[in-house]
Every structure is written in structure tokens, then in C-alpha cells.
Amino acid sequence: MMVHFGRAFALYCERRYDEAIDHASRAIDLYPDYWLVHFGMGLAQSQKGLLQQSIASLEMAVQLSP
């Protein structure tokens, strides 16, 4: 999971948002209860203009966060 999240964050920083979303999605598939991957997904989605999906991802991150 951390490999996919790390890669997703690196891609996000490179502004390669589609690829970041793909890797975040893989991380969510592996660990759906880990808040950080939902946060990363929400950030990348917001940059793509996918605002409804971004809000849902970020709300999930808040619900799961410690």
C-alpha cells in the first residue's frame, strides 16, 4: 500500500494526476481503511476538477483519520 501511495504522491507532485489517481486507487483496493490513501486520492481528484469525487474522498479520509 505504501508503495502505491508513495508513487501516487510523487506523481501528484509531478502534476501527473491521472496516474496519481490510478496508484491511489490501487492503494485503496489494498487498504480501504487507511485514511492517507483517501486523502491522496482526494487531492489528485481536485486537481483534475473532479470535485464531487474529491469531496467524497476527503470526507472518507476525515472519517477514517485517527
Protein backbone atom coordinates (compact mmCIF):
# COMPACT_ATOMS: atom_id res chain seq x y z
CA MET A 1 0.00 0.00 0.00
CA MET A 2 2.76 2.45 0.92
CA VAL A 3 4.49 1.80 -2.40
CA HIS A 4 1.35 2.76 -4.32
CA PHE A 5 0.69 5.73 -2.05
CA GLY A 6 4.29 6.93 -2.33
CA ARG A 7 4.14 6.63 -6.09
CA ALA A 8 0.76 8.37 -6.18
CA PHE A 9 2.13 11.27 -4.13
CA ALA A 10 5.23 11.56 -6.33
CA LEU A 11 3.02 11.61 -9.44
CA TYR A 12 0.78 14.21 -7.82
CA CYS A 13 3.82 16.42 -7.19
CA GLU A 14 4.78 15.97 -10.86
CA ARG A 15 1.24 17.05 -11.83
CA ARG A 16 0.56 13.67 -13.42
CA TYR A 17 -2.88 13.47 -11.85
CA ASP A 18 -4.38 10.62 -13.88
CA GLU A 19 -1.52 8.34 -12.92
CA ALA A 20 -1.68 9.54 -9.31
CA ILE A 21 -5.36 8.63 -9.19
CA ASP A 22 -4.57 5.19 -10.62
CA HIS A 23 -1.96 4.44 -7.97
CA ALA A 24 -4.11 5.84 -5.17
CA SER A 25 -6.94 3.61 -6.39
CA ARG A 26 -4.66 0.57 -6.19
CA ALA A 27 -3.67 1.54 -2.65
CA ILE A 28 -7.35 1.92 -1.68
CA ASP A 29 -8.08 -1.51 -3.13
CA LEU A 30 -5.37 -2.99 -0.89
CA TYR A 31 -6.14 -0.99 2.25
CA PRO A 32 -9.57 0.67 2.07
CA ASP A 33 -9.50 1.66 5.75
CA TYR A 34 -6.29 3.71 5.63
CA TRP A 35 -7.13 7.41 5.65
CA LEU A 36 -3.98 8.65 3.96
CA VAL A 37 -4.71 6.98 0.63
CA HIS A 38 -8.17 8.56 0.51
CA PHE A 39 -6.56 11.93 1.24
CA GLY A 40 -4.10 11.46 -1.63
CA MET A 41 -6.89 10.42 -3.94
CA GLY A 42 -8.91 13.50 -2.99
CA LEU A 43 -6.01 15.82 -3.71
CA ALA A 44 -5.41 14.37 -7.17
CA GLN A 45 -9.12 14.36 -7.98
CA SER A 46 -9.43 18.02 -7.03
CA GLN A 47 -6.62 18.94 -9.43
CA LYS A 48 -8.45 17.12 -12.22
CA GLY A 49 -11.60 19.10 -11.48
CA LEU A 50 -13.43 16.04 -10.17
CA LEU A 51 -14.83 18.00 -7.28
CA GLN A 52 -17.66 15.70 -6.18
CA GLN A 53 -15.34 12.69 -6.13
CA SER A 54 -12.67 14.74 -4.38
CA ILE A 55 -15.08 15.81 -1.66
CA ALA A 56 -16.17 12.20 -1.14
CA SER A 57 -12.55 11.01 -0.90
CA LEU A 58 -11.58 13.77 1.51
CA GLU A 59 -14.67 13.15 3.67
CA MET A 60 -13.70 9.46 3.83
CA ALA A 61 -10.18 10.47 4.87
CA VAL A 62 -11.62 12.55 7.71
CA GLN A 63 -13.88 9.70 8.85
CA LEU A 64 -11.00 7.23 8.89
CA SER A 65 -8.33 9.51 10.35
CA PRO A 66 -7.24 8.96 13.94
